[in-house]
C-alpha atoms as a PDB file:
ATOM      1  CA  MET A   1     -41.956   2.219  15.718  1.00  0.00           C
ATOM      2  CA  ARG A   2     -45.293   0.745  14.775  1.00  0.00           C
ATOM      3  CA  ASN A   3     -46.810   0.187  18.228  1.00  0.00           C
ATOM      4  CA  PRO A   4     -44.879   1.911  21.031  1.00  0.00           C
ATOM      5  CA  MET A   5     -47.183   0.633  23.790  1.00  0.00           C
ATOM      6  CA  LEU A   6     -46.741  -2.991  22.715  1.00  0.00           C
ATOM      7  CA  THR A   7     -42.973  -2.522  22.436  1.00  0.00           C
ATOM      8  CA  TYR A   8     -42.830  -0.899  25.867  1.00  0.00           C
ATOM      9  CA  HIS A   9     -44.446  -3.939  27.503  1.00  0.00           C
ATOM     10  CA  ALA A  10     -42.871  -6.592  25.280  1.00  0.00           C
ATOM     11  CA  VAL A  11     -39.287  -5.690  26.182  1.00  0.00           C
ATOM     12  CA  ARG A  12     -40.154  -6.004  29.867  1.00  0.00           C
ATOM     13  CA  LEU A  13     -42.281  -9.160  29.724  1.00  0.00           C
ATOM     14  CA  LEU A  14     -40.804 -11.237  26.887  1.00  0.00           C
ATOM     15  CA  LEU A  15     -37.333 -12.552  26.224  1.00  0.00           C
ATOM     16  CA  TYR A  16     -37.066 -10.128  23.329  1.00  0.00           C
ATOM     17  CA  ARG A  17     -34.026  -8.055  22.498  1.00  0.00           C
ATOM     18  CA  GLY A  18     -32.601  -6.363  19.428  1.00  0.00           C
ATOM     19  CA  LEU A  19     -35.423  -4.202  18.104  1.00  0.00           C
ATOM     20  CA  GLY A  20     -34.923  -3.825  14.357  1.00  0.00           C
ATOM     21  CA  ARG A  21     -32.210  -6.458  13.923  1.00  0.00           C
ATOM     22  CA  GLY A  22     -34.259  -9.402  12.651  1.00  0.00           C
ATOM     23  CA  ILE A  23     -34.435  -8.691   8.919  1.00  0.00           C
ATOM     24  CA  PRO A  24     -30.756  -7.702   8.494  1.00  0.00           C
ATOM     25  CA  ARG A  25     -29.722 -10.820  10.444  1.00  0.00           C
ATOM     26  CA  VAL A  26     -31.862 -13.108   8.258  1.00  0.00           C
ATOM     27  CA  LEU A  27     -30.564 -11.520   5.051  1.00  0.00           C
ATOM     28  CA  HIS A  28     -26.982 -11.959   6.258  1.00  0.00           C
ATOM     29  CA  ARG A  29     -27.485 -15.633   7.124  1.00  0.00           C
ATOM     30  CA  CYS A  30     -29.709 -16.506   4.177  1.00  0.00           C
ATOM     31  CA  PRO A  31     -29.261 -14.114   1.221  1.00  0.00           C
ATOM     32  CA  GLN A  32     -31.801 -16.121  -0.842  1.00  0.00           C
ATOM     33  CA  THR A  33     -34.592 -14.796   1.387  1.00  0.00           C
ATOM     34  CA  GLN A  34     -37.299 -12.994  -0.580  1.00  0.00           C
ATOM     35  CA  LEU A  35     -39.050  -9.966   0.912  1.00  0.00           C
ATOM     36  CA  ILE A  36     -42.286  -9.037  -0.850  1.00  0.00           C
ATOM     37  CA  ASN A  37     -44.201  -5.897   0.075  1.00  0.00           C
ATOM     38  CA  ASP A  38     -47.742  -6.215  -1.300  1.00  0.00           C
ATOM     39  CA  VAL A  39     -49.224  -2.804  -0.472  1.00  0.00           C
ATOM     40  CA  PRO A  40     -52.558  -3.277  -2.330  1.00  0.00           C
ATOM     41  CA  GLY A  41     -53.030  -6.656  -0.631  1.00  0.00           C
ATOM     42  CA  ASN A  42     -51.962  -5.205   2.746  1.00  0.00           C
ATOM     43  CA  GLN A  43     -49.396  -7.990   3.213  1.00  0.00           C
ATOM     44  CA  PHE A  44     -45.680  -8.314   3.768  1.00  0.00           C
ATOM     45  CA  LYS A  45     -44.185 -11.710   2.963  1.00  0.00           C
ATOM     46  CA  ALA A  46     -40.804 -13.136   3.891  1.00  0.00           C
ATOM     47  CA  ILE A  47     -40.035 -16.318   1.965  1.00  0.00           C
ATOM     48  CA  LEU A  48     -37.158 -18.407   3.306  1.00  0.00           C
ATOM     49  CA  PRO A  49     -35.921 -21.363   1.272  1.00  0.00           C
ATOM     50  CA  ARG A  50     -35.728 -24.667   3.086  1.00  0.00           C
ATOM     51  CA  PRO A  51     -32.336 -26.316   3.220  1.00  0.00           C
ATOM     52  CA  LEU A  52     -31.868 -29.236   0.839  1.00  0.00           C
ATOM     53  CA  THR A  53     -31.536 -32.614   2.519  1.00  0.00           C
ATOM     54  CA  SER A  54     -30.468 -35.944   1.086  1.00  0.00           C
ATOM     55  CA  ALA A  55     -33.214 -37.901   2.903  1.00  0.00           C
ATOM     56  CA  LYS A  56     -36.848 -37.586   1.843  1.00  0.00           C
ATOM     57  CA  ALA A  57     -39.453 -36.810   4.485  1.00  0.00           C
ATOM     58  CA  ALA A  58     -41.715 -39.727   5.288  1.00  0.00           C
END
């Protein structure tokens, strides 16, 4: 756990449940999701494709 103090308070104050279930759930629902761990750049990116629509945005 990255920040136990934050987690301790978050589960009591926020409507937050399911610690550790977010990434597996996203990958199950959208297997095209890209997860990029850029250690030298100190970044973690999650790229989710937008659904295709037949109407163009105005």
